[in-house]
């Protein structure tokens, strides 16, 4: 394209020179002889040549412009579109570059945060691991102690049961002695016809009957004479609450049986 334009300009210049020489020497009749040189005529001829050249140039330019108007418009549109796209591309490239830099900065920050959190988690995991190991050792020690205590408890349980039985027996003996001491003035060796079958009273079985005999209570008459204090003492000695004696109405039953 550029070579074609240059060639056209060279041809135009050559054509203008040839036409100027033809016009000066053929039309105006000017010569190169100094004796016939006329400055005014030569100046007018040069101005006429310039006007003709300029007119030819303008005519040619206008003709070329109108002939190439559509291509020129397309070229302008393409040029400005290309420039616009170029600017948009540059702007997009700048934006992408800035965004890329932001992403790199964010990536660096996130990597730093991730490494920091990872270090903290590793430290916490190590602490938890140490604590778990320590707790496991303590649990093992406690388990050993529990097993030892369980074995000792199993060994002591028979002895405890035996001691409990002995304590219960001794407690009964103590209560019996207390009752015998409190009622010593009233106790005497009963005659055979004075001994009653206490099991006839509802709520008194053979075991309780034997305990009552041991405490010196062997007849319906004695039970029929129980007062509140006596009921409380007998209930404690027998390990029964006094309301049991009241609820079964031992006194009333004894009165009926004695009559």
C-alpha atoms as a PDB file:
ATOM      1  CA  UNK A   1       0.000   0.000   0.000  1.00  0.00           C
ATOM      2  CA  UNK A   2       2.772   2.437   0.891  1.00  0.00           C
ATOM      3  CA  UNK A   3       4.754   1.662  -2.312  1.00  0.00           C
ATOM      4  CA  UNK A   4       1.663   2.372  -4.430  1.00  0.00           C
ATOM      5  CA  UNK A   5       1.124   5.770  -2.767  1.00  0.00           C
ATOM      6  CA  UNK A   6       4.803   6.755  -3.224  1.00  0.00           C
ATOM      7  CA  UNK A   7       4.760   5.716  -6.887  1.00  0.00           C
ATOM      8  CA  UNK A   8       1.593   7.758  -7.470  1.00  0.00           C
ATOM      9  CA  UNK A   9       3.169  10.852  -5.868  1.00  0.00           C
ATOM     10  CA  UNK A  10       6.347  10.479  -7.992  1.00  0.00           C
ATOM     11  CA  UNK A  11       4.312  10.166 -11.182  1.00  0.00           C
ATOM     12  CA  UNK A  12       2.231  13.193 -10.160  1.00  0.00           C
ATOM     13  CA  UNK A  13       5.381  15.284  -9.562  1.00  0.00           C
ATOM     14  CA  UNK A  14       6.956  14.156 -12.874  1.00  0.00           C
ATOM     15  CA  UNK A  15       3.712  14.900 -14.711  1.00  0.00           C
ATOM     16  CA  UNK A  16       3.541  18.373 -13.141  1.00  0.00           C
ATOM     17  CA  UNK A  17       7.143  19.141 -14.136  1.00  0.00           C
ATOM     18  CA  UNK A  18       6.606  17.948 -17.714  1.00  0.00           C
ATOM     19  CA  UNK A  19       3.404  19.967 -18.027  1.00  0.00           C
ATOM     20  CA  UNK A  20       5.105  23.047 -16.553  1.00  0.00           C
ATOM     21  CA  UNK A  21       8.008  22.816 -19.038  1.00  0.00           C
ATOM     22  CA  UNK A  22       5.577  22.314 -21.898  1.00  0.00           C
ATOM     23  CA  UNK A  23       3.476  25.262 -20.805  1.00  0.00           C
ATOM     24  CA  UNK A  24       6.431  27.614 -20.306  1.00  0.00           C
ATOM     25  CA  UNK A  25       8.266  26.882 -23.511  1.00  0.00           C
ATOM     26  CA  UNK A  26       5.497  25.933 -25.876  1.00  0.00           C
ATOM     27  CA  UNK A  27       2.523  27.979 -24.738  1.00  0.00           C
ATOM     28  CA  UNK A  28       4.254  31.043 -23.304  1.00  0.00           C
ATOM     29  CA  UNK A  29       7.135  30.908 -25.775  1.00  0.00           C
ATOM     30  CA  UNK A  30       9.780  31.576 -23.163  1.00  0.00           C
ATOM     31  CA  UNK A  31      13.416  30.779 -23.978  1.00  0.00           C
ATOM     32  CA  UNK A  32      16.570  30.221 -22.035  1.00  0.00           C
ATOM     33  CA  UNK A  33      18.316  33.129 -23.794  1.00  0.00           C
ATOM     34  CA  UNK A  34      19.296  35.772 -21.192  1.00  0.00           C
ATOM     35  CA  UNK A  35      18.810  38.598 -23.683  1.00  0.00           C
ATOM     36  CA  UNK A  36      15.099  37.785 -24.014  1.00  0.00           C
ATOM     37  CA  UNK A  37      14.537  37.148 -20.307  1.00  0.00           C
ATOM     38  CA  UNK A  38      11.493  38.963 -18.946  1.00  0.00           C
ATOM     39  CA  UNK A  39      11.072  38.741 -15.183  1.00  0.00           C
ATOM     40  CA  UNK A  40       7.411  39.769 -15.190  1.00  0.00           C
ATOM     41  CA  UNK A  41       6.423  37.226 -17.839  1.00  0.00           C
ATOM     42  CA  UNK A  42       8.376  34.473 -16.122  1.00  0.00           C
ATOM     43  CA  UNK A  43       6.775  35.283 -12.733  1.00  0.00           C
ATOM     44  CA  UNK A  44       3.279  35.243 -14.255  1.00  0.00           C
ATOM     45  CA  UNK A  45       4.030  31.956 -15.979  1.00  0.00           C
ATOM     46  CA  UNK A  46       5.290  30.404 -12.733  1.00  0.00           C
ATOM     47  CA  UNK A  47       2.176  31.589 -10.824  1.00  0.00           C
ATOM     48  CA  UNK A  48      -0.082  30.199 -13.574  1.00  0.00           C
ATOM     49  CA  UNK A  49       1.747  26.878 -13.399  1.00  0.00           C
ATOM     50  CA  UNK A  50       1.380  26.782  -9.639  1.00  0.00           C
ATOM     51  CA  UNK A  51      -2.368  27.508  -9.843  1.00  0.00           C
ATOM     52  CA  UNK A  52      -2.837  24.848 -12.488  1.00  0.00           C
ATOM     53  CA  UNK A  53      -0.814  22.360 -10.464  1.00  0.00           C
ATOM     54  CA  UNK A  54      -2.753  23.193  -7.322  1.00  0.00           C
ATOM     55  CA  UNK A  55      -6.059  22.929  -9.191  1.00  0.00           C
ATOM     56  CA  UNK A  56      -5.074  19.582 -10.634  1.00  0.00           C
ATOM     57  CA  UNK A  57      -4.009  18.383  -7.209  1.00  0.00           C
ATOM     58  CA  UNK A  58      -7.283  19.455  -5.611  1.00  0.00           C
ATOM     59  CA  UNK A  59      -9.367  17.945  -8.389  1.00  0.00           C
ATOM     60  CA  UNK A  60      -7.444  14.696  -8.141  1.00  0.00           C
ATOM     61  CA  UNK A  61      -7.669  14.714  -4.364  1.00  0.00           C
ATOM     62  CA  UNK A  62     -11.451  15.313  -4.395  1.00  0.00           C
ATOM     63  CA  UNK A  63     -11.953  12.639  -7.027  1.00  0.00           C
ATOM     64  CA  UNK A  64      -9.868  10.175  -5.055  1.00  0.00           C
ATOM     65  CA  UNK A  65     -11.628  11.113  -1.824  1.00  0.00           C
ATOM     66  CA  UNK A  66     -15.113  10.577  -3.222  1.00  0.00           C
ATOM     67  CA  UNK A  67     -14.050   7.408  -4.922  1.00  0.00           C
ATOM     68  CA  UNK A  68     -12.501   6.107  -1.714  1.00  0.00           C
ATOM     69  CA  UNK A  69     -15.056   7.613   0.719  1.00  0.00           C
ATOM     70  CA  UNK A  70     -16.530   4.293   1.807  1.00  0.00           C
ATOM     71  CA  UNK A  71     -13.138   2.575   2.240  1.00  0.00           C
ATOM     72  CA  UNK A  72     -11.902   5.653   4.124  1.00  0.00           C
ATOM     73  CA  UNK A  73     -14.947   5.554   6.407  1.00  0.00           C
ATOM     74  CA  UNK A  74     -14.408   1.875   6.947  1.00  0.00           C
ATOM     75  CA  UNK A  75     -10.746   2.510   7.618  1.00  0.00           C
ATOM     76  CA  UNK A  76     -11.612   5.293  10.069  1.00  0.00           C
ATOM     77  CA  UNK A  77     -14.159   3.067  11.790  1.00  0.00           C
ATOM     78  CA  UNK A  78     -11.719   0.202  11.844  1.00  0.00           C
ATOM     79  CA  UNK A  79      -8.959   2.505  13.057  1.00  0.00           C
ATOM     80  CA  UNK A  80     -10.988   4.070  15.835  1.00  0.00           C
ATOM     81  CA  UNK A  81     -12.512   0.691  16.723  1.00  0.00           C
ATOM     82  CA  UNK A  82      -9.068  -0.813  16.851  1.00  0.00           C
ATOM     83  CA  UNK A  83      -7.848   2.107  18.961  1.00  0.00           C
ATOM     84  CA  UNK A  84     -10.845   1.744  21.250  1.00  0.00           C
ATOM     85  CA  UNK A  85     -10.315  -1.991  21.535  1.00  0.00           C
ATOM     86  CA  UNK A  86      -6.635  -1.383  22.091  1.00  0.00           C
ATOM     87  CA  UNK A  87      -7.394   1.044  24.917  1.00  0.00           C
ATOM     88  CA  UNK A  88      -9.950  -1.364  26.375  1.00  0.00           C
ATOM     89  CA  UNK A  89      -7.420  -4.153  26.111  1.00  0.00           C
ATOM     90  CA  UNK A  90      -4.791  -1.992  27.804  1.00  0.00           C
ATOM     91  CA  UNK A  91      -7.284  -1.048  30.511  1.00  0.00           C
ATOM     92  CA  UNK A  92      -8.289  -4.705  30.923  1.00  0.00           C
ATOM     93  CA  UNK A  93      -4.651  -5.717  31.017  1.00  0.00           C
ATOM     94  CA  UNK A  94      -3.973  -3.086  33.679  1.00  0.00           C
ATOM     95  CA  UNK A  95      -7.013  -4.232  35.668  1.00  0.00           C
ATOM     96  CA  UNK A  96      -5.975  -7.853  35.357  1.00  0.00           C
ATOM     97  CA  UNK A  97      -2.474  -6.962  36.415  1.00  0.00           C
ATOM     98  CA  UNK A  98      -3.787  -5.111  39.476  1.00  0.00           C
ATOM     99  CA  UNK A  99      -6.173  -7.983  40.241  1.00  0.00           C
ATOM    100  CA  UNK A 100      -3.360 -10.475  39.838  1.00  0.00           C
ATOM    101  CA  UNK A 101      -1.235  -8.448  42.248  1.00  0.00           C
ATOM    102  CA  UNK A 102      -4.137  -8.351  44.715  1.00  0.00           C
ATOM    103  CA  UNK A 103      -4.607 -12.090  44.363  1.00  0.00           C
ATOM    104  CA  UNK A 104      -0.893 -12.641  44.936  1.00  0.00           C
ATOM    105  CA  UNK A 105      -1.023 -10.453  48.037  1.00  0.00           C
ATOM    106  CA  UNK A 106      -4.118 -12.268  49.271  1.00  0.00           C
ATOM    107  CA  UNK A 107      -2.494 -15.606  48.526  1.00  0.00           C
ATOM    108  CA  UNK A 108       0.597 -14.589  50.480  1.00  0.00           C
ATOM    109  CA  UNK A 109      -1.579 -13.439  53.375  1.00  0.00           C
ATOM    110  CA  UNK A 110      -3.638 -16.650  53.331  1.00  0.00           C
ATOM    111  CA  UNK A 111      -0.502 -18.775  53.188  1.00  0.00           C
ATOM    112  CA  UNK A 112       0.879 -16.889  56.183  1.00  0.00           C
ATOM    113  CA  UNK A 113      -2.421 -17.325  58.067  1.00  0.00           C
ATOM    114  CA  UNK A 114      -2.567 -21.010  57.119  1.00  0.00           C
ATOM    115  CA  UNK A 115       0.990 -21.614  58.309  1.00  0.00           C
ATOM    116  CA  UNK A 116       0.262 -19.744  61.530  1.00  0.00           C
ATOM    117  CA  UNK A 117      -2.956 -21.694  62.182  1.00  0.00           C
ATOM    118  CA  UNK A 118      -1.212 -24.953  61.263  1.00  0.00           C
ATOM    119  CA  UNK A 119       1.569 -24.199  63.739  1.00  0.00           C
ATOM    120  CA  UNK A 120      -0.989 -23.391  66.450  1.00  0.00           C
ATOM    121  CA  UNK A 121      -2.944 -26.589  65.684  1.00  0.00           C
ATOM    122  CA  UNK A 122       0.233 -28.656  65.780  1.00  0.00           C
ATOM    123  CA  UNK A 123       1.148 -27.099  69.110  1.00  0.00           C
ATOM    124  CA  UNK A 124      -2.360 -27.712  70.466  1.00  0.00           C
ATOM    125  CA  UNK A 125      -2.301 -31.284  69.144  1.00  0.00           C
ATOM    126  CA  UNK A 126       1.024 -31.893  70.848  1.00  0.00           C
ATOM    127  CA  UNK A 127      -0.322 -30.471  74.113  1.00  0.00           C
ATOM    128  CA  UNK A 128      -3.452 -32.625  73.837  1.00  0.00           C
ATOM    129  CA  UNK A 129      -1.333 -35.661  73.040  1.00  0.00           C
ATOM    130  CA  UNK A 130       0.816 -35.027  76.099  1.00  0.00           C
ATOM    131  CA  UNK A 131      -2.275 -34.480  78.239  1.00  0.00           C
ATOM    132  CA  UNK A 132      -3.886 -37.676  76.890  1.00  0.00           C
ATOM    133  CA  UNK A 133      -0.754 -39.659  77.671  1.00  0.00           C
ATOM    134  CA  UNK A 134      -0.629 -38.170  81.163  1.00  0.00           C
ATOM    135  CA  UNK A 135      -4.342 -38.875  81.683  1.00  0.00           C
ATOM    136  CA  UNK A 136      -3.882 -42.442  80.429  1.00  0.00           C
ATOM    137  CA  UNK A 137      -1.079 -42.993  82.931  1.00  0.00           C
ATOM    138  CA  UNK A 138      -3.209 -41.528  85.722  1.00  0.00           C
ATOM    139  CA  UNK A 139      -6.138 -43.748  84.702  1.00  0.00           C
ATOM    140  CA  UNK A 140      -3.889 -46.794  84.727  1.00  0.00           C
ATOM    141  CA  UNK A 141      -2.656 -45.862  88.198  1.00  0.00           C
ATOM    142  CA  UNK A 142      -6.227 -45.286  89.374  1.00  0.00           C
ATOM    143  CA  UNK A 143      -7.297 -48.594  87.855  1.00  0.00           C
ATOM    144  CA  UNK A 144      -4.497 -50.374  89.667  1.00  0.00           C
ATOM    145  CA  UNK A 145      -5.488 -48.656  92.908  1.00  0.00           C
ATOM    146  CA  UNK A 146      -9.150 -49.554  92.310  1.00  0.00           C
ATOM    147  CA  UNK A 147      -8.228 -53.174  91.671  1.00  0.00           C
ATOM    148  CA  UNK A 148      -6.132 -53.179  94.847  1.00  0.00           C
ATOM    149  CA  UNK A 149      -8.956 -51.585  96.865  1.00  0.00           C
ATOM    150  CA  UNK A 150     -11.485 -53.983  95.328  1.00  0.00           C
ATOM    151  CA  UNK A 151      -9.339 -56.935  96.348  1.00  0.00           C
ATOM    152  CA  UNK A 152      -8.955 -55.518  99.833  1.00  0.00           C
ATOM    153  CA  UNK A 153     -12.716 -54.901  99.975  1.00  0.00           C
ATOM    154  CA  UNK A 154     -13.427 -58.460  98.871  1.00  0.00           C
ATOM    155  CA  UNK A 155     -11.096 -59.678 101.598  1.00  0.00           C
ATOM    156  CA  UNK A 156     -12.665 -57.388 104.206  1.00  0.00           C
ATOM    157  CA  UNK A 157     -16.316 -58.043 103.251  1.00  0.00           C
ATOM    158  CA  UNK A 158     -16.582 -61.430 105.051  1.00  0.00           C
ATOM    159  CA  UNK A 159     -14.913 -59.938 108.099  1.00  0.00           C
ATOM    160  CA  UNK A 160     -17.256 -56.938 107.942  1.00  0.00           C
ATOM    161  CA  UNK A 161     -20.302 -59.168 107.677  1.00  0.00           C
ATOM    162  CA  UNK A 162     -19.040 -61.225 110.592  1.00  0.00           C
ATOM    163  CA  UNK A 163     -18.374 -58.095 112.641  1.00  0.00           C
ATOM    164  CA  UNK A 164     -21.810 -56.730 111.718  1.00  0.00           C
ATOM    165  CA  UNK A 165     -23.425 -59.918 112.941  1.00  0.00           C
ATOM    166  CA  UNK A 166     -21.406 -59.799 116.143  1.00  0.00           C
ATOM    167  CA  UNK A 167     -22.287 -56.124 116.633  1.00  0.00           C
ATOM    168  CA  UNK A 168     -25.973 -56.877 116.090  1.00  0.00           C
ATOM    169  CA  UNK A 169     -25.780 -59.710 118.592  1.00  0.00           C
ATOM    170  CA  UNK A 170     -23.954 -57.537 121.105  1.00  0.00           C
ATOM    171  CA  UNK A 171     -26.427 -54.690 120.562  1.00  0.00           C
ATOM    172  CA  UNK A 172     -29.274 -57.065 121.301  1.00  0.00           C
ATOM    173  CA  UNK A 173     -27.478 -58.312 124.406  1.00  0.00           C
ATOM    174  CA  UNK A 174     -26.905 -54.711 125.525  1.00  0.00           C
ATOM    175  CA  UNK A 175     -30.553 -53.831 125.006  1.00  0.00           C
ATOM    176  CA  UNK A 176     -31.547 -56.989 126.796  1.00  0.00           C
ATOM    177  CA  UNK A 177     -29.278 -56.191 129.718  1.00  0.00           C
ATOM    178  CA  UNK A 178     -30.550 -52.621 129.829  1.00  0.00           C
ATOM    179  CA  UNK A 179     -34.099 -53.882 129.889  1.00  0.00           C
ATOM    180  CA  UNK A 180     -33.246 -56.493 132.543  1.00  0.00           C
ATOM    181  CA  UNK A 181     -31.506 -53.868 134.684  1.00  0.00           C
ATOM    182  CA  UNK A 182     -34.434 -51.464 134.399  1.00  0.00           C
ATOM    183  CA  UNK A 183     -36.928 -54.223 135.267  1.00  0.00           C
ATOM    184  CA  UNK A 184     -34.747 -56.104 137.740  1.00  0.00           C
ATOM    185  CA  UNK A 185     -37.000 -55.368 140.696  1.00  0.00           C
ATOM    186  CA  UNK A 186     -39.961 -56.830 138.868  1.00  0.00           C
ATOM    187  CA  UNK A 187     -38.191 -59.912 137.520  1.00  0.00           C
ATOM    188  CA  UNK A 188     -38.485 -63.227 139.239  1.00  0.00           C
ATOM    189  CA  UNK A 189     -38.394 -66.818 138.249  1.00  0.00           C
ATOM    190  CA  UNK A 190     -41.861 -67.548 136.858  1.00  0.00           C
ATOM    191  CA  UNK A 191     -43.864 -70.543 137.850  1.00  0.00           C
ATOM    192  CA  UNK A 192     -44.798 -72.997 135.159  1.00  0.00           C
ATOM    193  CA  UNK A 193     -48.481 -72.040 135.236  1.00  0.00           C
ATOM    194  CA  UNK A 194     -47.579 -68.354 134.889  1.00  0.00           C
ATOM    195  CA  UNK A 195     -45.816 -68.805 131.493  1.00  0.00           C
ATOM    196  CA  UNK A 196     -48.141 -67.963 128.584  1.00  0.00           C
ATOM    197  CA  UNK A 197     -47.896 -68.942 124.941  1.00  0.00           C
ATOM    198  CA  UNK A 198     -47.064 -65.458 123.597  1.00  0.00           C
ATOM    199  CA  UNK A 199     -47.343 -66.640 119.971  1.00  0.00           C
ATOM    200  CA  UNK A 200     -51.124 -66.507 120.431  1.00  0.00           C
ATOM    201  CA  UNK A 201     -50.798 -62.723 120.129  1.00  0.00           C
ATOM    202  CA  UNK A 202     -50.952 -61.681 116.483  1.00  0.00           C
ATOM    203  CA  UNK A 203     -47.608 -60.179 115.476  1.00  0.00           C
ATOM    204  CA  UNK A 204     -45.514 -62.312 117.883  1.00  0.00           C
ATOM    205  CA  UNK A 205     -43.764 -65.305 116.354  1.00  0.00           C
ATOM    206  CA  UNK A 206     -41.544 -67.950 117.949  1.00  0.00           C
ATOM    207  CA  UNK A 207     -38.394 -65.816 117.553  1.00  0.00           C
ATOM    208  CA  UNK A 208     -39.948 -62.733 119.152  1.00  0.00           C
ATOM    209  CA  UNK A 209     -41.488 -64.943 121.838  1.00  0.00           C
ATOM    210  CA  UNK A 210     -38.050 -66.283 122.780  1.00  0.00           C
ATOM    211  CA  UNK A 211     -36.624 -62.762 122.913  1.00  0.00           C
ATOM    212  CA  UNK A 212     -39.505 -61.657 125.186  1.00  0.00           C
ATOM    213  CA  UNK A 213     -38.883 -64.661 127.460  1.00  0.00           C
ATOM    214  CA  UNK A 214     -35.207 -63.683 127.581  1.00  0.00           C
ATOM    215  CA  UNK A 215     -36.196 -60.171 128.659  1.00  0.00           C
ATOM    216  CA  UNK A 216     -38.388 -61.553 131.470  1.00  0.00           C
ATOM    217  CA  UNK A 217     -41.686 -61.060 129.659  1.00  0.00           C
ATOM    218  CA  UNK A 218     -43.393 -64.440 129.732  1.00  0.00           C
ATOM    219  CA  UNK A 219     -47.128 -63.827 130.364  1.00  0.00           C
ATOM    220  CA  UNK A 220     -50.151 -62.091 128.854  1.00  0.00           C
ATOM    221  CA  UNK A 221     -50.583 -60.199 132.117  1.00  0.00           C
ATOM    222  CA  UNK A 222     -47.174 -58.528 131.808  1.00  0.00           C
ATOM    223  CA  UNK A 223     -47.888 -57.419 128.222  1.00  0.00           C
ATOM    224  CA  UNK A 224     -51.369 -56.161 129.180  1.00  0.00           C
ATOM    225  CA  UNK A 225     -49.718 -53.844 131.724  1.00  0.00           C
ATOM    226  CA  UNK A 226     -47.333 -52.200 129.173  1.00  0.00           C
ATOM    227  CA  UNK A 227     -47.291 -48.386 129.365  1.00  0.00           C
ATOM    228  CA  UNK A 228     -45.845 -46.014 126.744  1.00  0.00           C
ATOM    229  CA  UNK A 229     -42.342 -46.134 128.235  1.00  0.00           C
ATOM    230  CA  UNK A 230     -42.399 -49.951 128.381  1.00  0.00           C
ATOM    231  CA  UNK A 231     -43.633 -50.179 124.792  1.00  0.00           C
ATOM    232  CA  UNK A 232     -40.757 -47.936 123.645  1.00  0.00           C
ATOM    233  CA  UNK A 233     -38.128 -49.989 125.529  1.00  0.00           C
ATOM    234  CA  UNK A 234     -39.436 -53.327 124.284  1.00  0.00           C
ATOM    235  CA  UNK A 235     -39.664 -52.004 120.721  1.00  0.00           C
ATOM    236  CA  UNK A 236     -36.035 -50.828 120.825  1.00  0.00           C
ATOM    237  CA  UNK A 237     -34.883 -54.118 122.349  1.00  0.00           C
ATOM    238  CA  UNK A 238     -36.701 -56.094 119.675  1.00  0.00           C
ATOM    239  CA  UNK A 239     -35.583 -53.719 116.926  1.00  0.00           C
ATOM    240  CA  UNK A 240     -39.197 -52.979 116.113  1.00  0.00           C
ATOM    241  CA  UNK A 241     -40.675 -49.502 116.167  1.00  0.00           C
ATOM    242  CA  UNK A 242     -43.116 -48.852 118.974  1.00  0.00           C
ATOM    243  CA  UNK A 243     -45.943 -48.233 116.504  1.00  0.00           C
ATOM    244  CA  UNK A 244     -45.660 -51.898 115.455  1.00  0.00           C
ATOM    245  CA  UNK A 245     -46.648 -52.931 118.991  1.00  0.00           C
ATOM    246  CA  UNK A 246     -49.400 -50.324 118.948  1.00  0.00           C
ATOM    247  CA  UNK A 247     -50.573 -51.214 115.469  1.00  0.00           C
ATOM    248  CA  UNK A 248     -50.886 -54.935 116.274  1.00  0.00           C
ATOM    249  CA  UNK A 249     -52.427 -53.990 119.664  1.00  0.00           C
ATOM    250  CA  UNK A 250     -50.347 -56.380 121.707  1.00  0.00           C
ATOM    251  CA  UNK A 251     -51.704 -54.854 124.945  1.00  0.00           C
ATOM    252  CA  UNK A 252     -55.365 -55.323 123.967  1.00  0.00           C
ATOM    253  CA  UNK A 253     -54.803 -58.839 122.716  1.00  0.00           C
ATOM    254  CA  UNK A 254     -52.930 -59.726 125.939  1.00  0.00           C
ATOM    255  CA  UNK A 255     -55.766 -58.364 128.074  1.00  0.00           C
ATOM    256  CA  UNK A 256     -58.342 -60.484 126.241  1.00  0.00           C
ATOM    257  CA  UNK A 257     -56.137 -63.592 126.485  1.00  0.00           C
ATOM    258  CA  UNK A 258     -55.367 -63.021 130.156  1.00  0.00           C
ATOM    259  CA  UNK A 259     -59.091 -62.694 130.980  1.00  0.00           C
END
